[in-house]
C-alpha cells in the first residue's frame, strides 16, 4: 500500500493532510501547493495553455494531465479533489466552464462556454443531516475524441459521450451518448445520427414499444 493510500484510509491523517493542502472549507489549494507541488505531480503537455484567469483547484493526491496544444480558457475551473482529470491533446475548455473529476476528456474535444461537467454527486438521503454534511459519491465521466459540447450544457456523473458526438447548447446529459450522434434537450435525447451508408446525418426512426412510439 502506497503512502497516499495509507493517508486516504486513515481519517485523522487524511484530515491533517487536507489541512496542509488547502484552507478549511475551501477547494482552492494553498499557495505553496500550487507553486511547489503541482508542477511536479501533474503533467502539462507541450504548448498547452492555462490562461491567467483560469482556476486550477488541483491537488497532488489525484492525477491531473493536459495534453499537447490543449487550452483551458479564462475563468474555467478544474477540480480534481474527488477524482482525476485527464484532458487529451488539442482540446479546448471554454470560458467559465467547470470540470470536476473524475473526468476523462479525449483528443480534439471542443467544450464551449458555461459548461458543467461533474463526476461528483452530493448525498442527500439522510434527512437528519444537511446535504453539505453527507458523503459524496463519484462516477467517471468520459468524453471521447472529437466531441463538441455546446454552451450551457450539463454533463452528469457516470456518463460516456461517444466519439465525434455533438451535445446541443443548453442540454442536460444524463445517459450515455452514442458515437457520431447529436443529442439535445433536458434530458438529452438523440436528434440525429450519422449514417455511414448514406454518408448523411439523419433523424432516428421512431420505435414502437408497448409504452408507445419513441
N, C-alpha and C. Protein backbone atom coordinates (compact mmCIF):
# COMPACT_ATOMS: atom_id res chain seq x y z
N UNK A 1 0.85 -1.20 0.00
CA UNK A 1 0.00 0.00 0.00
C UNK A 1 0.89 1.25 0.00
N UNK A 2 0.62 2.18 -0.91
CA UNK A 2 1.42 3.39 -1.00
C UNK A 2 1.13 4.34 0.17
N UNK A 3 2.01 5.32 0.34
CA UNK A 3 1.82 6.30 1.42
C UNK A 3 0.51 7.06 1.24
N UNK A 4 0.21 7.46 0.00
CA UNK A 4 -1.02 8.21 -0.28
C UNK A 4 -2.25 7.37 0.06
N UNK A 5 -2.22 6.08 -0.27
CA UNK A 5 -3.35 5.20 0.05
C UNK A 5 -3.53 5.07 1.57
N UNK A 6 -2.42 5.00 2.31
CA UNK A 6 -2.50 4.94 3.76
C UNK A 6 -3.13 6.19 4.33
N UNK A 7 -2.75 7.35 3.80
CA UNK A 7 -3.32 8.62 4.27
C UNK A 7 -4.81 8.67 4.00
N UNK A 8 -5.23 8.23 2.81
CA UNK A 8 -6.64 8.27 2.44
C UNK A 8 -7.49 7.36 3.33
N UNK A 9 -6.92 6.27 3.84
CA UNK A 9 -7.68 5.31 4.64
C UNK A 9 -7.71 5.66 6.12
N UNK A 10 -6.85 6.56 6.55
CA UNK A 10 -6.80 6.95 7.96
C UNK A 10 -7.48 8.31 8.11
N UNK A 11 -8.65 8.39 8.75
CA UNK A 11 -9.39 9.67 8.84
C UNK A 11 -8.58 10.81 9.45
N UNK A 12 -7.80 10.51 10.48
CA UNK A 12 -7.03 11.57 11.14
C UNK A 12 -5.90 12.07 10.24
N UNK A 13 -5.19 11.14 9.62
CA UNK A 13 -4.12 11.55 8.69
C UNK A 13 -4.70 12.30 7.50
N UNK A 14 -5.84 11.83 7.01
CA UNK A 14 -6.47 12.48 5.87
C UNK A 14 -6.87 13.91 6.21
N UNK A 15 -7.46 14.11 7.39
CA UNK A 15 -7.86 15.46 7.81
C UNK A 15 -6.65 16.38 7.95
N UNK A 16 -5.56 15.84 8.50
CA UNK A 16 -4.35 16.64 8.66
C UNK A 16 -3.74 16.99 7.31
N UNK A 17 -3.72 16.02 6.40
CA UNK A 17 -3.17 16.27 5.07
C UNK A 17 -3.98 17.33 4.33
N UNK A 18 -5.32 17.24 4.43
CA UNK A 18 -6.17 18.24 3.78
C UNK A 18 -5.94 19.63 4.36
N UNK A 19 -5.73 19.70 5.67
CA UNK A 19 -5.43 20.99 6.31
C UNK A 19 -4.15 21.59 5.75
N UNK A 20 -3.14 20.75 5.53
CA UNK A 20 -1.88 21.24 4.98
C UNK A 20 -2.02 21.68 3.52
N UNK A 21 -2.91 21.01 2.79
CA UNK A 21 -3.02 21.25 1.35
C UNK A 21 -3.96 22.39 0.99
N UNK A 22 -5.01 22.61 1.79
CA UNK A 22 -5.98 23.66 1.44
C UNK A 22 -6.60 24.25 2.71
N UNK A 23 -6.98 25.52 2.67
CA UNK A 23 -7.65 26.14 3.82
C UNK A 23 -8.99 25.45 4.10
N UNK A 24 -9.43 25.51 5.35
CA UNK A 24 -10.68 24.87 5.75
C UNK A 24 -11.86 25.44 4.95
N UNK A 25 -12.75 24.54 4.52
CA UNK A 25 -13.97 24.89 3.79
C UNK A 25 -13.69 25.54 2.44
N UNK A 26 -12.52 25.28 1.87
CA UNK A 26 -12.19 25.80 0.55
C UNK A 26 -11.71 24.66 -0.34
N UNK A 27 -11.92 24.83 -1.64
CA UNK A 27 -11.45 23.84 -2.61
C UNK A 27 -10.12 24.24 -3.22
N UNK A 28 -9.78 25.51 -3.10
CA UNK A 28 -8.56 26.01 -3.74
C UNK A 28 -7.32 25.64 -2.93
N UNK A 29 -6.31 25.04 -3.55
CA UNK A 29 -5.11 24.64 -2.80
C UNK A 29 -4.35 25.85 -2.26
N UNK A 30 -3.57 25.60 -1.22
CA UNK A 30 -2.73 26.66 -0.67
C UNK A 30 -1.67 27.06 -1.70
N UNK A 31 -1.15 28.28 -1.51
CA UNK A 31 -0.19 28.85 -2.46
C UNK A 31 1.01 27.95 -2.65
N UNK A 32 1.54 27.39 -1.56
CA UNK A 32 2.75 26.57 -1.68
C UNK A 32 2.50 25.28 -2.45
N UNK A 33 1.25 24.77 -2.38
CA UNK A 33 0.90 23.57 -3.16
C UNK A 33 0.90 23.91 -4.64
N UNK A 34 0.29 25.04 -5.00
CA UNK A 34 0.23 25.44 -6.41
C UNK A 34 1.61 25.70 -6.98
N UNK A 35 2.49 26.28 -6.19
CA UNK A 35 3.79 26.69 -6.70
C UNK A 35 4.84 25.59 -6.67
N UNK A 36 4.82 24.76 -5.64
CA UNK A 36 5.94 23.86 -5.42
C UNK A 36 5.61 22.37 -5.51
N UNK A 37 4.33 22.02 -5.44
CA UNK A 37 3.97 20.60 -5.55
C UNK A 37 3.35 20.25 -6.89
N UNK A 38 2.33 21.00 -7.29
CA UNK A 38 1.60 20.65 -8.50
C UNK A 38 2.47 20.55 -9.75
N UNK A 39 3.45 21.45 -9.95
CA UNK A 39 4.28 21.33 -11.16
C UNK A 39 5.02 20.00 -11.26
N UNK A 40 5.27 19.35 -10.13
CA UNK A 40 6.00 18.08 -10.14
C UNK A 40 5.07 16.87 -10.21
N UNK A 41 3.83 17.03 -9.76
CA UNK A 41 2.89 15.92 -9.72
C UNK A 41 2.02 15.82 -10.96
N UNK A 42 1.79 16.94 -11.64
CA UNK A 42 0.85 16.96 -12.74
C UNK A 42 1.55 17.21 -14.07
N UNK A 43 0.97 16.68 -15.13
CA UNK A 43 1.61 16.73 -16.44
C UNK A 43 0.93 17.73 -17.35
N UNK A 44 1.71 18.69 -17.83
CA UNK A 44 1.23 19.69 -18.79
C UNK A 44 1.95 19.46 -20.10
N UNK A 45 1.20 19.22 -21.18
CA UNK A 45 1.80 18.92 -22.47
C UNK A 45 2.46 20.11 -23.13
N UNK A 46 3.18 19.82 -24.19
CA UNK A 46 3.87 20.85 -24.96
C UNK A 46 2.85 21.80 -25.59
N UNK A 47 3.08 23.09 -25.44
CA UNK A 47 2.21 24.14 -25.98
C UNK A 47 0.80 24.14 -25.39
N UNK A 48 0.58 23.40 -24.30
CA UNK A 48 -0.70 23.51 -23.59
C UNK A 48 -0.76 24.88 -22.90
N UNK A 49 -1.96 25.47 -22.87
CA UNK A 49 -2.12 26.82 -22.36
C UNK A 49 -3.13 26.82 -21.22
N UNK A 50 -2.71 27.34 -20.05
CA UNK A 50 -3.62 27.63 -18.96
C UNK A 50 -3.72 29.15 -18.88
N UNK A 51 -4.83 29.71 -19.32
CA UNK A 51 -4.96 31.16 -19.31
C UNK A 51 -4.86 31.71 -17.88
N UNK A 52 -4.41 32.95 -17.77
CA UNK A 52 -4.06 33.52 -16.48
C UNK A 52 -5.18 33.58 -15.47
N UNK A 53 -6.42 33.66 -15.94
CA UNK A 53 -7.55 33.75 -15.02
C UNK A 53 -8.31 32.43 -14.88
N UNK A 54 -7.73 31.35 -15.42
CA UNK A 54 -8.32 30.04 -15.16
C UNK A 54 -8.00 29.65 -13.72
N UNK A 55 -8.84 28.82 -13.13
CA UNK A 55 -8.67 28.41 -11.73
C UNK A 55 -8.47 26.90 -11.68
N UNK A 56 -7.27 26.49 -11.32
CA UNK A 56 -6.93 25.09 -11.26
C UNK A 56 -6.91 24.65 -9.80
N UNK A 57 -8.03 24.13 -9.34
CA UNK A 57 -8.13 23.61 -7.98
C UNK A 57 -7.67 22.15 -8.00
N UNK A 58 -6.38 21.95 -8.26
CA UNK A 58 -5.85 20.59 -8.40
C UNK A 58 -4.87 20.31 -7.27
N UNK A 59 -4.93 19.08 -6.79
CA UNK A 59 -4.15 18.65 -5.64
C UNK A 59 -3.31 17.44 -6.01
N UNK A 60 -2.24 17.16 -5.26
CA UNK A 60 -1.33 16.09 -5.66
C UNK A 60 -1.83 14.68 -5.42
N UNK A 61 -2.91 14.49 -4.65
CA UNK A 61 -3.32 13.12 -4.35
C UNK A 61 -4.21 12.51 -5.42
N UNK A 62 -4.66 13.28 -6.42
CA UNK A 62 -5.32 12.74 -7.60
C UNK A 62 -4.63 13.32 -8.83
N UNK A 63 -4.62 12.57 -9.92
CA UNK A 63 -3.86 13.00 -11.09
C UNK A 63 -4.59 14.07 -11.89
N UNK A 64 -3.81 14.90 -12.56
CA UNK A 64 -4.30 15.95 -13.46
C UNK A 64 -3.33 16.03 -14.62
N UNK A 65 -3.80 15.75 -15.82
CA UNK A 65 -2.94 15.81 -17.00
C UNK A 65 -3.65 16.57 -18.12
N UNK A 66 -2.86 17.32 -18.87
CA UNK A 66 -3.36 18.05 -20.04
C UNK A 66 -2.40 17.80 -21.19
N UNK A 67 -2.94 17.37 -22.33
CA UNK A 67 -2.12 17.01 -23.47
C UNK A 67 -1.59 18.19 -24.26
N UNK A 68 -0.78 17.89 -25.22
CA UNK A 68 -0.18 18.90 -26.08
C UNK A 68 -1.24 19.75 -26.78
N UNK A 69 -0.97 21.06 -26.83
CA UNK A 69 -1.78 22.01 -27.61
C UNK A 69 -3.20 22.20 -27.09
N UNK A 70 -3.49 21.75 -25.90
CA UNK A 70 -4.82 21.99 -25.33
C UNK A 70 -4.85 23.33 -24.61
N UNK A 71 -6.07 23.87 -24.43
CA UNK A 71 -6.25 25.20 -23.84
C UNK A 71 -7.31 25.14 -22.76
N UNK A 72 -7.01 25.72 -21.60
CA UNK A 72 -8.01 25.96 -20.56
C UNK A 72 -8.20 27.46 -20.48
N UNK A 73 -9.38 27.92 -20.85
CA UNK A 73 -9.63 29.36 -21.00
C UNK A 73 -9.79 30.08 -19.66
N UNK A 74 -9.78 31.42 -19.74
CA UNK A 74 -10.01 32.25 -18.56
C UNK A 74 -11.33 31.89 -17.87
N UNK A 75 -11.31 31.94 -16.54
CA UNK A 75 -12.48 31.74 -15.67
C UNK A 75 -13.00 30.30 -15.66
N UNK A 76 -12.33 29.40 -16.38
CA UNK A 76 -12.68 27.99 -16.25
C UNK A 76 -12.14 27.47 -14.92
N UNK A 77 -12.86 26.50 -14.33
CA UNK A 77 -12.45 25.89 -13.07
C UNK A 77 -12.27 24.39 -13.30
N UNK A 78 -11.12 23.88 -12.89
CA UNK A 78 -10.85 22.45 -12.95
C UNK A 78 -10.53 21.97 -11.54
N UNK A 79 -11.24 20.91 -11.09
CA UNK A 79 -11.08 20.43 -9.72
C UNK A 79 -10.89 18.91 -9.74
N UNK A 80 -9.77 18.46 -9.16
CA UNK A 80 -9.50 17.02 -9.09
C UNK A 80 -9.56 16.50 -7.66
N UNK A 81 -10.20 17.24 -6.76
CA UNK A 81 -10.23 16.87 -5.36
C UNK A 81 -10.90 15.53 -5.09
N UNK A 82 -11.91 15.17 -5.92
CA UNK A 82 -12.64 13.92 -5.72
C UNK A 82 -12.30 12.86 -6.77
N UNK A 83 -11.48 13.21 -7.74
CA UNK A 83 -11.11 12.25 -8.77
C UNK A 83 -10.26 12.88 -9.83
N UNK A 84 -9.59 12.05 -10.60
CA UNK A 84 -8.65 12.53 -11.62
C UNK A 84 -9.35 13.39 -12.67
N UNK A 85 -8.55 14.22 -13.32
CA UNK A 85 -9.00 14.94 -14.52
C UNK A 85 -7.91 14.76 -15.57
N UNK A 86 -8.27 14.14 -16.69
CA UNK A 86 -7.35 13.93 -17.80
C UNK A 86 -7.93 14.60 -19.04
N UNK A 87 -7.17 15.47 -19.65
CA UNK A 87 -7.58 16.17 -20.88
C UNK A 87 -6.57 15.82 -21.96
N UNK A 88 -7.05 15.37 -23.11
CA UNK A 88 -6.17 14.91 -24.17
C UNK A 88 -5.51 16.04 -24.94
N UNK A 89 -5.05 15.72 -26.14
CA UNK A 89 -4.33 16.66 -26.98
C UNK A 89 -5.29 17.49 -27.84
N UNK A 90 -4.94 18.76 -28.03
CA UNK A 90 -5.69 19.62 -28.94
C UNK A 90 -7.11 19.89 -28.51
N UNK A 91 -7.40 19.79 -27.22
CA UNK A 91 -8.75 20.02 -26.72
C UNK A 91 -8.88 21.42 -26.12
N UNK A 92 -10.13 21.88 -26.00
CA UNK A 92 -10.40 23.27 -25.60
C UNK A 92 -11.46 23.28 -24.52
N UNK A 93 -11.12 23.86 -23.37
CA UNK A 93 -12.06 24.05 -22.26
C UNK A 93 -12.39 25.54 -22.21
N UNK A 94 -13.65 25.90 -22.46
CA UNK A 94 -14.03 27.27 -22.72
C UNK A 94 -14.22 28.15 -21.49
N UNK A 95 -14.54 29.39 -21.75
CA UNK A 95 -14.76 30.39 -20.71
C UNK A 95 -15.83 29.94 -19.72
N UNK A 96 -15.54 30.08 -18.42
CA UNK A 96 -16.48 29.81 -17.33
C UNK A 96 -16.92 28.35 -17.24
N UNK A 97 -16.21 27.44 -17.87
CA UNK A 97 -16.54 26.02 -17.72
C UNK A 97 -16.14 25.52 -16.34
N UNK A 98 -16.82 24.46 -15.89
CA UNK A 98 -16.48 23.79 -14.63
C UNK A 98 -16.29 22.31 -14.93
N UNK A 99 -15.11 21.80 -14.57
CA UNK A 99 -14.79 20.38 -14.77
C UNK A 99 -14.38 19.82 -13.41
N UNK A 100 -15.19 18.90 -12.88
CA UNK A 100 -14.93 18.29 -11.56
C UNK A 100 -14.76 16.79 -11.75
N UNK A 101 -13.60 16.27 -11.35
CA UNK A 101 -13.29 14.87 -11.54
C UNK A 101 -14.13 13.93 -10.69
N UNK A 102 -14.15 12.65 -11.07
CA UNK A 102 -13.32 12.03 -12.11
C UNK A 102 -13.88 12.26 -13.52
N UNK A 103 -13.00 12.81 -14.37
CA UNK A 103 -13.37 13.14 -15.75
C UNK A 103 -12.19 12.81 -16.67
N UNK A 104 -12.50 12.16 -17.79
CA UNK A 104 -11.51 11.96 -18.85
C UNK A 104 -12.04 12.55 -20.14
N UNK A 105 -11.30 13.49 -20.69
CA UNK A 105 -11.67 14.18 -21.93
C UNK A 105 -10.64 13.78 -23.00
N UNK A 106 -11.12 13.36 -24.16
CA UNK A 106 -10.24 12.86 -25.20
C UNK A 106 -9.51 13.94 -25.97
N UNK A 107 -9.07 13.58 -27.16
CA UNK A 107 -8.33 14.49 -28.03
C UNK A 107 -9.27 15.28 -28.93
N UNK A 108 -8.89 16.52 -29.20
CA UNK A 108 -9.60 17.39 -30.16
C UNK A 108 -11.07 17.56 -29.79
N UNK A 109 -11.30 17.75 -28.50
CA UNK A 109 -12.65 17.99 -27.99
C UNK A 109 -12.85 19.49 -27.83
N UNK A 110 -14.03 19.98 -28.22
CA UNK A 110 -14.40 21.39 -28.03
C UNK A 110 -15.46 21.45 -26.94
N UNK A 111 -15.16 22.19 -25.88
CA UNK A 111 -16.15 22.43 -24.83
C UNK A 111 -16.41 23.93 -24.82
N UNK A 112 -17.63 24.32 -25.18
CA UNK A 112 -17.97 25.73 -25.32
C UNK A 112 -18.08 26.40 -23.94
N UNK A 113 -18.75 27.55 -23.88
CA UNK A 113 -18.77 28.36 -22.66
C UNK A 113 -19.84 27.90 -21.66
N UNK A 114 -19.54 28.12 -20.36
CA UNK A 114 -20.51 27.88 -19.28
C UNK A 114 -21.01 26.43 -19.23
N UNK A 115 -20.15 25.50 -19.53
CA UNK A 115 -20.49 24.07 -19.48
C UNK A 115 -20.08 23.52 -18.11
N UNK A 116 -20.92 22.66 -17.53
CA UNK A 116 -20.61 22.00 -16.27
C UNK A 116 -20.46 20.50 -16.53
N UNK A 117 -19.31 19.96 -16.19
CA UNK A 117 -19.02 18.54 -16.33
C UNK A 117 -18.56 18.06 -14.97
N UNK A 118 -19.42 17.34 -14.26
CA UNK A 118 -19.12 16.97 -12.87
C UNK A 118 -19.30 15.48 -12.64
N UNK A 119 -18.21 14.82 -12.26
CA UNK A 119 -18.27 13.42 -11.89
C UNK A 119 -18.62 13.19 -10.44
N UNK A 120 -19.09 14.23 -9.76
CA UNK A 120 -19.39 14.19 -8.32
C UNK A 120 -20.88 14.41 -8.08
N UNK A 121 -21.40 13.69 -7.08
CA UNK A 121 -22.77 13.91 -6.61
C UNK A 121 -22.76 14.03 -5.09
N UNK A 122 -23.58 14.92 -4.55
CA UNK A 122 -23.73 15.04 -3.10
C UNK A 122 -24.78 14.06 -2.61
N UNK A 123 -24.50 13.41 -1.47
CA UNK A 123 -25.52 12.58 -0.84
C UNK A 123 -26.62 13.44 -0.24
N UNK A 124 -27.82 12.92 -0.20
CA UNK A 124 -28.97 13.69 0.32
C UNK A 124 -29.95 12.80 1.09
N UNK A 125 -29.69 11.48 1.12
CA UNK A 125 -30.69 10.53 1.60
C UNK A 125 -31.03 10.68 3.07
N UNK A 126 -30.06 11.06 3.90
CA UNK A 126 -30.30 11.17 5.35
C UNK A 126 -30.89 12.55 5.65
N UNK A 127 -32.18 12.61 5.93
CA UNK A 127 -32.86 13.89 6.15
C UNK A 127 -32.50 14.52 7.49
N UNK A 128 -31.80 13.77 8.34
CA UNK A 128 -31.38 14.31 9.64
C UNK A 128 -30.11 15.14 9.53
N UNK A 129 -29.46 15.09 8.38
CA UNK A 129 -28.22 15.83 8.17
C UNK A 129 -28.36 16.80 7.02
N UNK A 130 -27.70 17.97 7.11
CA UNK A 130 -27.65 18.85 5.94
C UNK A 130 -26.97 18.12 4.78
N UNK A 131 -27.39 18.40 3.58
CA UNK A 131 -26.78 17.76 2.41
C UNK A 131 -25.28 17.99 2.38
N UNK A 132 -24.85 19.18 2.79
CA UNK A 132 -23.41 19.50 2.79
C UNK A 132 -22.62 18.56 3.68
N UNK A 133 -23.24 18.02 4.73
CA UNK A 133 -22.54 17.16 5.69
C UNK A 133 -22.55 15.69 5.29
N UNK A 134 -23.22 15.34 4.21
CA UNK A 134 -23.35 13.93 3.82
C UNK A 134 -22.25 13.54 2.83
N UNK A 135 -21.91 12.27 2.80
CA UNK A 135 -20.82 11.82 1.92
C UNK A 135 -21.15 12.06 0.45
N UNK A 136 -20.10 12.31 -0.32
CA UNK A 136 -20.25 12.46 -1.77
C UNK A 136 -19.96 11.14 -2.46
N UNK A 137 -20.53 10.96 -3.63
CA UNK A 137 -20.21 9.81 -4.46
C UNK A 137 -19.66 10.31 -5.79
N UNK A 138 -18.91 9.45 -6.47
CA UNK A 138 -18.32 9.82 -7.75
C UNK A 138 -18.56 8.73 -8.78
N UNK A 139 -18.65 9.14 -10.04
CA UNK A 139 -18.72 8.21 -11.17
C UNK A 139 -18.07 8.91 -12.36
N UNK A 140 -17.12 8.26 -12.97
CA UNK A 140 -16.32 8.91 -14.00
C UNK A 140 -17.15 9.30 -15.23
N UNK A 141 -16.90 10.51 -15.71
CA UNK A 141 -17.41 10.97 -17.00
C UNK A 141 -16.31 10.77 -18.04
N UNK A 142 -16.67 10.21 -19.19
CA UNK A 142 -15.72 10.05 -20.29
C UNK A 142 -16.29 10.75 -21.52
N UNK A 143 -15.51 11.67 -22.06
CA UNK A 143 -15.86 12.34 -23.32
C UNK A 143 -14.82 11.92 -24.34
N UNK A 144 -15.23 11.14 -25.31
CA UNK A 144 -14.29 10.57 -26.26
C UNK A 144 -13.82 11.62 -27.29
N UNK A 145 -12.91 11.21 -28.15
CA UNK A 145 -12.27 12.12 -29.10
C UNK A 145 -13.28 12.83 -30.00
N UNK A 146 -12.94 14.08 -30.34
CA UNK A 146 -13.59 14.85 -31.41
C UNK A 146 -15.00 15.31 -31.08
N UNK A 147 -15.38 15.28 -29.83
CA UNK A 147 -16.74 15.73 -29.46
C UNK A 147 -16.82 17.25 -29.40
N UNK A 148 -18.05 17.73 -29.48
CA UNK A 148 -18.34 19.17 -29.32
C UNK A 148 -19.47 19.28 -28.30
N UNK A 149 -19.18 19.95 -27.20
CA UNK A 149 -20.17 20.16 -26.14
C UNK A 149 -20.60 21.62 -26.21
N UNK A 150 -21.88 21.87 -26.50
CA UNK A 150 -22.37 23.22 -26.71
C UNK A 150 -22.49 24.03 -25.42
N UNK A 151 -22.60 25.33 -25.58
CA UNK A 151 -22.65 26.26 -24.45
C UNK A 151 -23.80 25.93 -23.50
N UNK A 152 -23.53 26.11 -22.19
CA UNK A 152 -24.52 25.95 -21.12
C UNK A 152 -25.02 24.52 -20.94
N UNK A 153 -24.32 23.55 -21.51
CA UNK A 153 -24.69 22.16 -21.32
C UNK A 153 -24.23 21.68 -19.94
N UNK A 154 -24.90 20.64 -19.44
CA UNK A 154 -24.53 19.98 -18.19
C UNK A 154 -24.36 18.49 -18.48
N UNK A 155 -23.22 17.94 -18.06
CA UNK A 155 -22.96 16.51 -18.22
C UNK A 155 -22.86 15.92 -16.82
N UNK A 156 -23.72 14.95 -16.51
CA UNK A 156 -23.82 14.43 -15.15
C UNK A 156 -22.90 13.22 -14.94
N UNK A 157 -22.69 12.88 -13.68
CA UNK A 157 -21.74 11.83 -13.30
C UNK A 157 -22.08 10.50 -13.96
N UNK A 158 -21.02 9.79 -14.39
CA UNK A 158 -21.17 8.45 -14.92
C UNK A 158 -21.48 8.36 -16.40
N UNK A 159 -21.60 9.49 -17.09
CA UNK A 159 -21.98 9.50 -18.50
C UNK A 159 -20.75 9.30 -19.38
N UNK A 160 -20.92 8.57 -20.47
CA UNK A 160 -19.91 8.45 -21.52
C UNK A 160 -20.47 9.06 -22.81
N UNK A 161 -19.74 9.97 -23.40
CA UNK A 161 -20.12 10.59 -24.67
C UNK A 161 -19.21 10.04 -25.75
N UNK A 162 -19.81 9.37 -26.73
CA UNK A 162 -19.04 8.67 -27.75
C UNK A 162 -18.33 9.58 -28.72
N UNK A 163 -17.42 9.00 -29.48
CA UNK A 163 -16.57 9.74 -30.40
C UNK A 163 -17.38 10.57 -31.40
N UNK A 164 -16.91 11.80 -31.63
CA UNK A 164 -17.47 12.70 -32.65
C UNK A 164 -18.95 13.00 -32.43
N UNK A 165 -19.38 12.93 -31.17
CA UNK A 165 -20.76 13.28 -30.85
C UNK A 165 -20.87 14.78 -30.58
N UNK A 166 -22.08 15.30 -30.75
CA UNK A 166 -22.38 16.71 -30.51
C UNK A 166 -23.47 16.82 -29.46
N UNK A 167 -23.22 17.63 -28.44
CA UNK A 167 -24.23 17.91 -27.42
C UNK A 167 -24.72 19.34 -27.65
N UNK A 168 -26.00 19.50 -27.96
CA UNK A 168 -26.55 20.81 -28.29
C UNK A 168 -26.50 21.75 -27.08
N UNK A 169 -26.43 23.03 -27.36
CA UNK A 169 -26.38 24.04 -26.30
C UNK A 169 -27.56 23.90 -25.35
N UNK A 170 -27.29 24.04 -24.05
CA UNK A 170 -28.35 24.01 -23.05
C UNK A 170 -28.85 22.63 -22.67
N UNK A 171 -28.23 21.58 -23.19
CA UNK A 171 -28.70 20.23 -22.91
C UNK A 171 -28.25 19.76 -21.53
N UNK A 172 -29.00 18.82 -20.97
CA UNK A 172 -28.63 18.14 -19.72
C UNK A 172 -28.47 16.66 -20.06
N UNK A 173 -27.22 16.19 -20.01
CA UNK A 173 -26.91 14.83 -20.44
C UNK A 173 -26.89 13.92 -19.22
N UNK A 174 -27.84 13.00 -19.15
CA UNK A 174 -27.96 12.10 -18.01
C UNK A 174 -27.70 10.65 -18.38
N UNK A 175 -27.59 10.36 -19.68
CA UNK A 175 -27.34 8.99 -20.14
C UNK A 175 -26.24 9.02 -21.20
N UNK A 176 -25.66 7.84 -21.46
CA UNK A 176 -24.59 7.73 -22.45
C UNK A 176 -25.06 8.22 -23.81
N UNK A 177 -24.13 8.82 -24.53
CA UNK A 177 -24.40 9.35 -25.87
C UNK A 177 -23.68 8.48 -26.89
N UNK A 178 -24.38 7.94 -27.89
CA UNK A 178 -23.72 7.08 -28.88
C UNK A 178 -22.70 7.87 -29.70
N UNK A 179 -21.67 7.20 -30.21
CA UNK A 179 -20.74 7.87 -31.12
C UNK A 179 -21.46 8.40 -32.37
N UNK A 180 -20.94 9.45 -32.94
CA UNK A 180 -21.45 10.02 -34.20
C UNK A 180 -22.95 10.30 -34.12
N UNK A 181 -23.34 10.96 -33.03
CA UNK A 181 -24.74 11.34 -32.87
C UNK A 181 -24.82 12.77 -32.37
N UNK A 182 -26.01 13.35 -32.52
CA UNK A 182 -26.29 14.68 -31.99
C UNK A 182 -27.41 14.53 -30.98
N UNK A 183 -27.19 15.05 -29.76
CA UNK A 183 -28.22 14.97 -28.72
C UNK A 183 -28.57 16.37 -28.25
N UNK A 184 -29.81 16.52 -27.77
CA UNK A 184 -30.24 17.81 -27.25
C UNK A 184 -31.44 17.67 -26.36
N UNK A 185 -31.66 18.69 -25.52
CA UNK A 185 -32.83 18.71 -24.65
C UNK A 185 -32.49 18.41 -23.21
N UNK A 186 -33.56 18.40 -22.37
CA UNK A 186 -33.43 18.12 -20.94
C UNK A 186 -34.56 17.15 -20.55
N UNK A 187 -34.21 15.86 -20.34
CA UNK A 187 -32.88 15.26 -20.54
C UNK A 187 -32.57 15.10 -22.03
N UNK A 188 -31.28 15.04 -22.33
CA UNK A 188 -30.86 14.99 -23.73
C UNK A 188 -31.29 13.67 -24.37
N UNK A 189 -31.71 13.76 -25.61
CA UNK A 189 -32.07 12.57 -26.40
C UNK A 189 -31.46 12.71 -27.78
N UNK A 190 -31.37 11.60 -28.49
CA UNK A 190 -30.73 11.60 -29.81
C UNK A 190 -31.62 12.32 -30.82
N UNK A 191 -31.05 13.32 -31.49
CA UNK A 191 -31.77 14.07 -32.52
C UNK A 191 -31.38 13.61 -33.92
N UNK A 192 -30.10 13.28 -34.08
CA UNK A 192 -29.60 12.79 -35.37
C UNK A 192 -28.46 11.82 -35.13
N UNK A 193 -28.25 10.92 -36.11
CA UNK A 193 -27.10 10.03 -36.10
C UNK A 193 -26.49 9.98 -37.49
N UNK A 194 -25.20 9.80 -37.54
CA UNK A 194 -24.54 9.71 -38.84
C UNK A 194 -24.74 8.31 -39.42
N UNK A 195 -25.21 8.26 -40.67
CA UNK A 195 -25.41 7.01 -41.38
C UNK A 195 -24.26 6.80 -42.35
N UNK A 196 -23.37 5.84 -42.07
CA UNK A 196 -22.22 5.66 -42.96
C UNK A 196 -22.59 5.19 -44.36
N UNK A 197 -23.79 4.59 -44.51
CA UNK A 197 -24.20 4.12 -45.83
C UNK A 197 -24.61 5.29 -46.72
N UNK A 198 -25.42 6.20 -46.17
CA UNK A 198 -25.84 7.37 -46.96
C UNK A 198 -24.86 8.53 -46.84
N UNK A 199 -23.93 8.42 -45.84
CA UNK A 199 -22.97 9.48 -45.56
C UNK A 199 -23.67 10.80 -45.21
N UNK A 200 -24.79 10.66 -44.46
CA UNK A 200 -25.54 11.83 -44.04
C UNK A 200 -25.92 11.69 -42.56
N UNK A 201 -26.17 12.86 -41.94
CA UNK A 201 -26.70 12.88 -40.57
C UNK A 201 -28.21 12.81 -40.67
N UNK A 202 -28.81 11.78 -40.07
CA UNK A 202 -30.23 11.51 -40.25
C UNK A 202 -30.94 11.43 -38.91
N UNK A 203 -32.23 11.80 -38.91
CA UNK A 203 -33.05 11.65 -37.72
C UNK A 203 -33.32 10.17 -37.47
N UNK A 204 -33.32 9.76 -36.20
CA UNK A 204 -33.59 8.34 -35.90
C UNK A 204 -35.03 7.98 -36.24
N UNK A 205 -35.25 6.75 -36.66
CA UNK A 205 -36.59 6.28 -36.96
C UNK A 205 -37.36 6.01 -35.66
N UNK A 206 -38.66 6.37 -35.60
CA UNK A 206 -39.45 6.08 -34.40
C UNK A 206 -39.49 4.59 -34.11
N UNK A 207 -39.49 4.25 -32.84
CA UNK A 207 -39.52 2.84 -32.41
C UNK A 207 -40.83 2.60 -31.67
N UNK A 208 -41.58 1.58 -32.10
CA UNK A 208 -42.84 1.24 -31.47
C UNK A 208 -42.58 0.27 -30.32
N UNK A 209 -43.00 0.67 -29.12
CA UNK A 209 -42.86 -0.18 -27.95
C UNK A 209 -44.23 -0.34 -27.28
N UNK A 210 -44.30 -1.16 -26.25
CA UNK A 210 -45.56 -1.36 -25.52
C UNK A 210 -46.01 -0.07 -24.84
N UNK A 211 -45.07 0.81 -24.57
CA UNK A 211 -45.40 2.07 -23.90
C UNK A 211 -45.74 3.19 -24.89
N UNK A 212 -45.56 2.93 -26.18
CA UNK A 212 -45.86 3.97 -27.16
C UNK A 212 -44.75 4.09 -28.19
N UNK A 213 -44.79 5.18 -28.94
CA UNK A 213 -43.81 5.42 -30.00
C UNK A 213 -42.73 6.35 -29.47
N UNK A 214 -41.46 5.94 -29.69
CA UNK A 214 -40.33 6.74 -29.24
C UNK A 214 -39.39 7.01 -30.40
